[in-house]
C-alpha atoms as a PDB file:
ATOM      1  CA  MET A   1     -19.422   7.875  29.944  1.00  0.00           C
ATOM      2  CA  ALA A   2     -15.930   9.326  30.216  1.00  0.00           C
ATOM      3  CA  ILE A   3     -13.418   9.109  27.398  1.00  0.00           C
ATOM      4  CA  ALA A   4     -10.905   6.307  28.016  1.00  0.00           C
ATOM      5  CA  HIS A   5      -7.665   5.442  26.265  1.00  0.00           C
ATOM      6  CA  ALA A   6      -7.852   1.840  24.998  1.00  0.00           C
ATOM      7  CA  GLN A   7      -4.642   1.342  23.009  1.00  0.00           C
ATOM      8  CA  THR A   8      -1.684   3.047  21.336  1.00  0.00           C
ATOM      9  CA  GLY A   9       0.748   1.226  19.082  1.00  0.00           C
ATOM     10  CA  PHE A  10       3.065   1.405  16.108  1.00  0.00           C
ATOM     11  CA  GLY A  11       4.143  -0.602  13.099  1.00  0.00           C
ATOM     12  CA  SER A  12       7.646  -1.240  11.803  1.00  0.00           C
ATOM     13  CA  PHE A  13       9.428   1.447   9.818  1.00  0.00           C
ATOM     14  CA  ALA A  14       9.179   0.759   6.092  1.00  0.00           C
ATOM     15  CA  LEU A  15      11.266   1.802   3.099  1.00  0.00           C
ATOM     16  CA  GLY A  16       8.667   1.328   0.343  1.00  0.00           C
ATOM     17  CA  THR A  17       5.397   3.072  -0.450  1.00  0.00           C
ATOM     18  CA  THR A  18       3.385   1.161   2.165  1.00  0.00           C
ATOM     19  CA  ALA A  19       3.594   0.725   5.930  1.00  0.00           C
ATOM     20  CA  GLU A  20       1.407  -1.387   8.193  1.00  0.00           C
ATOM     21  CA  SER A  21       0.462  -0.905  11.835  1.00  0.00           C
ATOM     22  CA  SER A  22       0.686  -3.566  14.490  1.00  0.00           C
ATOM     23  CA  THR A  23      -2.590  -5.274  15.409  1.00  0.00           C
ATOM     24  CA  ILE A  24      -5.343  -2.938  16.590  1.00  0.00           C
ATOM     25  CA  THR A  25      -7.781  -4.491  19.046  1.00  0.00           C
ATOM     26  CA  ALA A  26     -11.398  -4.123  17.933  1.00  0.00           C
ATOM     27  CA  VAL A  27     -13.521  -2.043  20.319  1.00  0.00           C
ATOM     28  CA  ALA A  28     -17.198  -1.202  19.855  1.00  0.00           C
ATOM     29  CA  ASP A  29     -18.180   2.443  19.266  1.00  0.00           C
ATOM     30  CA  ALA A  30     -14.574   3.617  19.385  1.00  0.00           C
ATOM     31  CA  LEU A  31     -12.605   6.463  17.856  1.00  0.00           C
ATOM     32  CA  TYR A  32      -9.550   5.261  15.926  1.00  0.00           C
ATOM     33  CA  ILE A  33      -6.727   7.746  15.211  1.00  0.00           C
ATOM     34  CA  VAL A  34      -3.894   6.921  12.800  1.00  0.00           C
ATOM     35  CA  CYS A  35      -0.780   9.046  12.267  1.00  0.00           C
ATOM     36  CA  VAL A  36       1.512   8.523   9.282  1.00  0.00           C
ATOM     37  CA  PRO A  37       4.923  10.240   9.445  1.00  0.00           C
ATOM     38  CA  TYR A  38       7.373   9.959   6.574  1.00  0.00           C
ATOM     39  CA  LYS A  39      10.487  11.563   5.136  1.00  0.00           C
ATOM     40  CA  LEU A  40      10.130  12.865   1.587  1.00  0.00           C
ATOM     41  CA  VAL A  41      10.959  16.387   0.447  1.00  0.00           C
ATOM     42  CA  GLY A  42       7.911  17.856  -1.263  1.00  0.00           C
ATOM     43  CA  GLY A  43       5.533  15.334   0.289  1.00  0.00           C
ATOM     44  CA  THR A  44       2.988  13.147  -1.480  1.00  0.00           C
ATOM     45  CA  THR A  45      -0.571  11.855  -1.259  1.00  0.00           C
ATOM     46  CA  VAL A  46      -1.291   9.432   1.584  1.00  0.00           C
ATOM     47  CA  THR A  47      -4.260   7.095   1.979  1.00  0.00           C
ATOM     48  CA  VAL A  48      -5.072   4.587   4.724  1.00  0.00           C
ATOM     49  CA  ALA A  49      -7.243   1.471   4.790  1.00  0.00           C
ATOM     50  CA  ASP A  50      -8.046  -1.120   7.435  1.00  0.00           C
ATOM     51  CA  SER A  51      -7.576  -4.816   6.741  1.00  0.00           C
ATOM     52  CA  LEU A  52     -11.280  -5.487   7.376  1.00  0.00           C
ATOM     53  CA  ASP A  53     -12.350  -2.769   4.939  1.00  0.00           C
ATOM     54  CA  GLU A  54     -15.044  -1.781   7.436  1.00  0.00           C
ATOM     55  CA  LEU A  55     -14.072   1.715   8.613  1.00  0.00           C
ATOM     56  CA  THR A  56     -14.263   5.024   6.766  1.00  0.00           C
ATOM     57  CA  TRP A  57     -11.067   7.028   7.204  1.00  0.00           C
ATOM     58  CA  THR A  58     -10.978  10.826   7.024  1.00  0.00           C
ATOM     59  CA  GLU A  59      -7.743  12.795   6.709  1.00  0.00           C
ATOM     60  CA  ARG A  60      -7.610  15.467   9.404  1.00  0.00           C
ATOM     61  CA  ILE A  61      -4.039  16.784   9.178  1.00  0.00           C
ATOM     62  CA  ALA A  62      -1.433  17.008   6.408  1.00  0.00           C
ATOM     63  CA  GLN A  63       1.561  19.041   7.582  1.00  0.00           C
ATOM     64  CA  CYS A  64       5.167  19.508   6.520  1.00  0.00           C
ATOM     65  CA  ALA A  65       8.098  20.397   8.762  1.00  0.00           C
ATOM     66  CA  GLY A  66       9.601  23.884   8.556  1.00  0.00           C
ATOM     67  CA  ARG A  67      12.600  22.642   6.560  1.00  0.00           C
ATOM     68  CA  ASP A  68      10.502  20.073   4.657  1.00  0.00           C
ATOM     69  CA  GLN A  69      12.462  17.180   6.170  1.00  0.00           C
ATOM     70  CA  LEU A  70       9.339  15.458   7.499  1.00  0.00           C
ATOM     71  CA  ARG A  71       5.637  15.093   6.736  1.00  0.00           C
ATOM     72  CA  LEU A  72       2.755  14.101   9.013  1.00  0.00           C
ATOM     73  CA  HIS A  73      -0.727  12.929   8.025  1.00  0.00           C
ATOM     74  CA  VAL A  74      -3.419  12.142  10.608  1.00  0.00           C
ATOM     75  CA  PHE A  75      -6.618  10.197   9.919  1.00  0.00           C
ATOM     76  CA  THR A  76      -9.612   9.249  12.065  1.00  0.00           C
ATOM     77  CA  ALA A  77     -12.414   6.693  11.850  1.00  0.00           C
ATOM     78  CA  PHE A  78     -15.262   5.766  14.159  1.00  0.00           C
ATOM     79  CA  GLY A  79     -17.073   2.469  14.471  1.00  0.00           C
ATOM     80  CA  SER A  80     -17.340  -1.080  15.760  1.00  0.00           C
ATOM     81  CA  PRO A  81     -14.999  -3.360  13.790  1.00  0.00           C
ATOM     82  CA  SER A  82     -16.001  -7.022  13.642  1.00  0.00           C
ATOM     83  CA  ASP A  83     -12.512  -8.258  14.536  1.00  0.00           C
ATOM     84  CA  ASP A  84      -8.987  -7.124  15.324  1.00  0.00           C
ATOM     85  CA  PHE A  85      -7.296  -5.506  12.342  1.00  0.00           C
ATOM     86  CA  THR A  86      -4.312  -3.597  10.989  1.00  0.00           C
ATOM     87  CA  VAL A  87      -4.119  -0.328   9.080  1.00  0.00           C
ATOM     88  CA  THR A  88      -1.973   0.118   5.976  1.00  0.00           C
ATOM     89  CA  ALA A  89      -0.789   3.524   4.797  1.00  0.00           C
ATOM     90  CA  THR A  90      -0.081   3.861   1.082  1.00  0.00           C
ATOM     91  CA  LEU A  91       1.980   6.719  -0.361  1.00  0.00           C
ATOM     92  CA  ALA A  92       1.756   7.825  -3.988  1.00  0.00           C
ATOM     93  CA  ASP A  93       5.543   8.326  -4.131  1.00  0.00           C
ATOM     94  CA  ASP A  94       8.440   6.424  -2.581  1.00  0.00           C
ATOM     95  CA  PRO A  95       9.620   8.049   0.692  1.00  0.00           C
ATOM     96  CA  GLU A  96      12.968   7.587   2.394  1.00  0.00           C
ATOM     97  CA  SER A  97      11.082   6.022   5.322  1.00  0.00           C
ATOM     98  CA  VAL A  98       7.504   5.799   6.586  1.00  0.00           C
ATOM     99  CA  GLN A  99       5.782   4.684   9.779  1.00  0.00           C
ATOM    100  CA  VAL A 100       2.265   4.149  11.157  1.00  0.00           C
ATOM    101  CA  GLY A 101       1.118   4.916  14.693  1.00  0.00           C
ATOM    102  CA  PHE A 102      -2.363   4.708  16.171  1.00  0.00           C
ATOM    103  CA  SER A 103      -4.509   5.394  19.228  1.00  0.00           C
ATOM    104  CA  VAL A 104      -7.958   4.097  20.197  1.00  0.00           C
ATOM    105  CA  TYR A 105     -10.472   5.757  22.545  1.00  0.00           C
ATOM    106  CA  THR A 106     -13.805   4.611  23.975  1.00  0.00           C
ATOM    107  CA  GLY A 107     -16.509   6.907  25.309  1.00  0.00           C
ATOM    108  CA  ALA A 108     -15.670   9.317  22.493  1.00  0.00           C
ATOM    109  CA  ASP A 109     -17.917  11.151  20.093  1.00  0.00           C
ATOM    110  CA  SER A 110     -17.675  10.317  16.402  1.00  0.00           C
ATOM    111  CA  ALA A 111     -16.818  13.970  15.677  1.00  0.00           C
ATOM    112  CA  ILE A 112     -13.405  15.396  16.558  1.00  0.00           C
ATOM    113  CA  GLU A 113     -12.573  19.065  16.980  1.00  0.00           C
ATOM    114  CA  ASP A 114      -9.768  21.423  16.073  1.00  0.00           C
ATOM    115  CA  PRO A 115      -7.257  19.286  14.134  1.00  0.00           C
ATOM    116  CA  VAL A 116      -4.160  21.495  14.171  1.00  0.00           C
ATOM    117  CA  ALA A 117      -0.474  21.023  13.365  1.00  0.00           C
ATOM    118  CA  ALA A 118       2.538  23.240  13.916  1.00  0.00           C
ATOM    119  CA  ASN A 119       6.195  23.261  12.863  1.00  0.00           C
ATOM    120  CA  THR A 120       9.186  25.520  13.460  1.00  0.00           C
ATOM    121  CA  ASN A 121       7.371  28.243  11.479  1.00  0.00           C
ATOM    122  CA  GLY A 122       4.322  28.091  13.763  1.00  0.00           C
ATOM    123  CA  GLU A 123       0.760  26.813  13.431  1.00  0.00           C
ATOM    124  CA  GLY A 124       0.138  25.498   9.917  1.00  0.00           C
ATOM    125  CA  GLY A 125       3.683  26.643   9.154  1.00  0.00           C
ATOM    126  CA  ALA A 126       5.239  26.835   5.696  1.00  0.00           C
ATOM    127  CA  CYS A 127       7.473  24.055   4.370  1.00  0.00           C
ATOM    128  CA  SER A 128      10.544  26.287   4.027  1.00  0.00           C
ATOM    129  CA  GLY A 129      12.297  29.005   5.973  1.00  0.00           C
ATOM    130  CA  GLY A 130      12.211  27.171   9.290  1.00  0.00           C
ATOM    131  CA  SER A 131      15.180  26.486  11.543  1.00  0.00           C
ATOM    132  CA  ASP A 132      15.965  23.383  13.580  1.00  0.00           C
ATOM    133  CA  GLY A 133      14.993  23.800  17.213  1.00  0.00           C
ATOM    134  CA  ILE A 134      14.637  21.899  20.488  1.00  0.00           C
ATOM    135  CA  GLU A 135      11.368  23.445  21.703  1.00  0.00           C
ATOM    136  CA  THR A 136       8.207  21.964  20.178  1.00  0.00           C
ATOM    137  CA  ALA A 137       4.670  23.232  20.726  1.00  0.00           C
ATOM    138  CA  ASN A 138       1.119  22.894  19.452  1.00  0.00           C
ATOM    139  CA  THR A 139      -2.225  24.253  20.647  1.00  0.00           C
ATOM    140  CA  VAL A 140      -5.699  22.765  20.248  1.00  0.00           C
ATOM    141  CA  GLY A 141      -8.983  23.745  21.867  1.00  0.00           C
ATOM    142  CA  GLY A 142     -12.359  22.183  22.504  1.00  0.00           C
ATOM    143  CA  SER A 143     -15.776  23.814  22.618  1.00  0.00           C
ATOM    144  CA  VAL A 144     -17.117  21.463  25.314  1.00  0.00           C
ATOM    145  CA  ASP A 145     -15.971  20.204  28.713  1.00  0.00           C
ATOM    146  CA  ASN A 146     -14.399  16.826  29.561  1.00  0.00           C
ATOM    147  CA  THR A 147     -12.409  16.321  26.373  1.00  0.00           C
ATOM    148  CA  VAL A 148      -9.092  14.639  25.643  1.00  0.00           C
ATOM    149  CA  HIS A 149      -6.392  16.513  23.745  1.00  0.00           C
ATOM    150  CA  TRP A 150      -4.307  14.132  21.598  1.00  0.00           C
ATOM    151  CA  HIS A 151      -0.934  14.950  19.992  1.00  0.00           C
ATOM    152  CA  CYS A 152       1.645  13.211  17.807  1.00  0.00           C
ATOM    153  CA  VAL A 153       5.158  14.699  18.066  1.00  0.00           C
ATOM    154  CA  LEU A 154       7.476  14.020  15.137  1.00  0.00           C
ATOM    155  CA  TYR A 155      11.196  14.852  14.908  1.00  0.00           C
ATOM    156  CA  ARG A 156      14.529  13.741  13.425  1.00  0.00           C
ATOM    157  CA  ASN A 157      18.192  12.940  14.152  1.00  0.00           C
ATOM    158  CA  THR A 158      19.789   9.727  15.419  1.00  0.00           C
ATOM    159  CA  GLY A 159      19.664   9.455  19.203  1.00  0.00           C
ATOM    160  CA  ASN A 160      17.176  12.293  19.591  1.00  0.00           C
ATOM    161  CA  VAL A 161      14.522  11.976  22.308  1.00  0.00           C
ATOM    162  CA  ILE A 162      12.044  14.211  24.092  1.00  0.00           C
ATOM    163  CA  ALA A 163      14.281  15.230  26.978  1.00  0.00           C
ATOM    164  CA  THR A 164      11.620  17.271  28.772  1.00  0.00           C
ATOM    165  CA  PRO A 165       8.059  16.163  28.066  1.00  0.00           C
ATOM    166  CA  ASP A 166       5.139  18.383  29.031  1.00  0.00           C
ATOM    167  CA  GLU A 167       4.251  17.274  32.572  1.00  0.00           C
ATOM    168  CA  ASP A 168       0.534  17.908  31.969  1.00  0.00           C
ATOM    169  CA  TYR A 169       0.370  15.179  29.303  1.00  0.00           C
ATOM    170  CA  THR A 170       0.512  11.382  29.455  1.00  0.00           C
ATOM    171  CA  ALA A 171       3.026   9.634  27.181  1.00  0.00           C
ATOM    172  CA  ARG A 172       1.152   6.834  25.387  1.00  0.00           C
ATOM    173  CA  GLY A 173       4.060   5.450  23.372  1.00  0.00           C
ATOM    174  CA  ASP A 174       7.022   6.220  21.153  1.00  0.00           C
ATOM    175  CA  THR A 175       9.043   4.670  18.355  1.00  0.00           C
ATOM    176  CA  SER A 176      12.144   5.606  16.416  1.00  0.00           C
ATOM    177  CA  THR A 177      14.687   4.524  13.861  1.00  0.00           C
ATOM    178  CA  ASP A 178      18.292   5.625  13.347  1.00  0.00           C
ATOM    179  CA  GLY A 179      20.302   6.512  10.288  1.00  0.00           C
ATOM    180  CA  GLY A 180      20.024   9.246   7.679  1.00  0.00           C
ATOM    181  CA  SER A 181      16.265   8.761   7.349  1.00  0.00           C
ATOM    182  CA  ALA A 182      15.661   8.722  11.099  1.00  0.00           C
ATOM    183  CA  ILE A 183      12.123   9.474  12.249  1.00  0.00           C
ATOM    184  CA  HIS A 184      11.024   9.655  15.877  1.00  0.00           C
ATOM    185  CA  MET A 185       7.370   9.688  16.913  1.00  0.00           C
ATOM    186  CA  ASP A 186       5.822  10.166  20.367  1.00  0.00           C
ATOM    187  CA  ILE A 187       2.095  10.144  21.160  1.00  0.00           C
ATOM    188  CA  PHE A 188       0.631  12.069  24.110  1.00  0.00           C
ATOM    189  CA  ASP A 189      -2.795  12.855  25.476  1.00  0.00           C
ATOM    190  CA  ARG A 190      -4.364  14.875  28.269  1.00  0.00           C
ATOM    191  CA  ALA A 191      -7.799  14.875  29.881  1.00  0.00           C
ATOM    192  CA  VAL A 192      -9.113  18.449  29.917  1.00  0.00           C
ATOM    193  CA  ALA A 193     -12.011  19.275  32.231  1.00  0.00           C
ATOM    194  CA  ALA A 194     -13.010  22.671  30.818  1.00  0.00           C
ATOM    195  CA  ALA A 195     -13.527  23.910  27.260  1.00  0.00           C
ATOM    196  CA  GLY A 196     -10.748  26.047  25.819  1.00  0.00           C
ATOM    197  CA  ASP A 197      -7.239  25.984  24.379  1.00  0.00           C
ATOM    198  CA  GLN A 198      -4.331  24.016  25.816  1.00  0.00           C
ATOM    199  CA  THR A 199      -0.735  23.905  24.549  1.00  0.00           C
ATOM    200  CA  ILE A 200       1.646  20.964  24.653  1.00  0.00           C
ATOM    201  CA  ASP A 201       5.286  22.065  25.105  1.00  0.00           C
ATOM    202  CA  SER A 202       8.138  19.565  24.852  1.00  0.00           C
ATOM    203  CA  VAL A 203      11.915  19.941  24.653  1.00  0.00           C
ATOM    204  CA  LEU A 204      14.073  17.709  22.441  1.00  0.00           C
ATOM    205  CA  SER A 205      17.560  16.508  23.340  1.00  0.00           C
ATOM    206  CA  ILE A 206      18.925  17.495  19.900  1.00  0.00           C
ATOM    207  CA  SER A 207      17.932  20.436  17.727  1.00  0.00           C
ATOM    208  CA  SER A 208      15.759  19.143  14.874  1.00  0.00           C
ATOM    209  CA  ASP A 209      13.144  19.857  12.257  1.00  0.00           C
ATOM    210  CA  TRP A 210       9.804  18.866  13.878  1.00  0.00           C
ATOM    211  CA  ILE A 211       6.023  18.680  13.535  1.00  0.00           C
ATOM    212  CA  VAL A 212       3.355  18.373  16.216  1.00  0.00           C
ATOM    213  CA  GLY A 213      -0.152  17.407  15.113  1.00  0.00           C
ATOM    214  CA  GLY A 214      -3.083  17.355  17.508  1.00  0.00           C
ATOM    215  CA  LEU A 215      -6.855  17.211  17.832  1.00  0.00           C
ATOM    216  CA  VAL A 216      -9.599  17.287  20.440  1.00  0.00           C
ATOM    217  CA  ILE A 217     -11.584  14.149  21.306  1.00  0.00           C
ATOM    218  CA  LYS A 218     -15.074  14.981  22.519  1.00  0.00           C
ATOM    219  CA  PRO A 219     -17.117  12.876  24.950  1.00  0.00           C
ATOM    220  CA  ALA A 220     -19.943  10.845  23.457  1.00  0.00           C
ATOM    221  CA  ALA A 221     -23.161  12.802  23.307  1.00  0.00           C
ATOM    222  CA  ALA A 222     -25.795  11.872  25.891  1.00  0.00           C
ATOM    223  CA  GLY A 223     -28.070   9.214  24.482  1.00  0.00           C
ATOM    224  CA  GLY A 224     -25.779   8.303  21.593  1.00  0.00           C
ATOM    225  CA  ILE A 225     -23.053   9.363  19.188  1.00  0.00           C
ATOM    226  CA  SER A 226     -23.508  12.594  17.288  1.00  0.00           C
ATOM    227  CA  VAL A 227     -23.297  13.025  13.530  1.00  0.00           C
ATOM    228  CA  PRO A 228     -19.568  13.086  12.587  1.00  0.00           C
ATOM    229  CA  VAL A 229     -19.087  16.694  11.563  1.00  0.00           C
ATOM    230  CA  ALA A 230     -15.719  18.227  12.505  1.00  0.00           C
ATOM    231  CA  LEU A 231     -15.809  21.624  14.215  1.00  0.00           C
ATOM    232  CA  TYR A 232     -13.129  24.244  13.931  1.00  0.00           C
ATOM    233  CA  HIS A 233     -12.216  27.372  15.882  1.00  0.00           C
ATOM    234  CA  GLN A 234     -12.645  30.717  14.202  1.00  0.00           C
ATOM    235  CA  ARG A 235      -8.909  31.066  13.688  1.00  0.00           C
ATOM    236  CA  HIS A 236      -8.972  28.070  11.301  1.00  0.00           C
ATOM    237  CA  HIS A 237     -11.880  29.508   9.314  1.00  0.00           C
ATOM    238  CA  ASN A 238      -9.894  32.721   8.985  1.00  0.00           C
ATOM    239  CA  LYS A 239      -6.800  30.820   7.889  1.00  0.00           C
ATOM    240  CA  ALA A 240      -8.728  28.929   5.216  1.00  0.00           C
ATOM    241  CA  ALA A 241     -10.486  32.023   3.876  1.00  0.00           C
END
């Protein structure tokens, strides 16, 4: 069974410590991905929970921007919810603004691979010393064939858009808000036939602090879903050592 995109959506931008997604349609044996961008220098702890309290959420990415103007957290869960639901993100400290986005995939394995984020300082980049830029990029790689590479692109500045999206990727949705706490979020994916690394390259209309977070969705194992153990490339083991 091939991996299929079922839904992508967003909630409303919030000014308090919580933000809620729009309604997520329940799908059996599906992979649910939630991204939580917010603006708060220094960052904070983020947790997510579904309104049914039926799914177990695992944080895959927690990344700052190169000038610490933005933060991005990505969570995944796998399962068969009993009904449609929403997801609420809760922050330990009050941000200037926060948002929730999500994607749902069927035909996916319960285990994801290679959760990676990059900023203007590079892959897993530091929270300071970066410079605003218009070229965004992130690379993820799968160890098996017939995967989907998923990315959330986050950036700032009123009126900013992705002027030149990567033509190899499908835009699944975007949302934005204006003002001093402006956050813009675009979600992309790409079906990848062969194992290996692929890079998403996009160009913004206005130079900005940015983050791109991505991961690899694997096809469901033959005969069932595998045990949910995340796999990483050697470069991430080296980075963590």
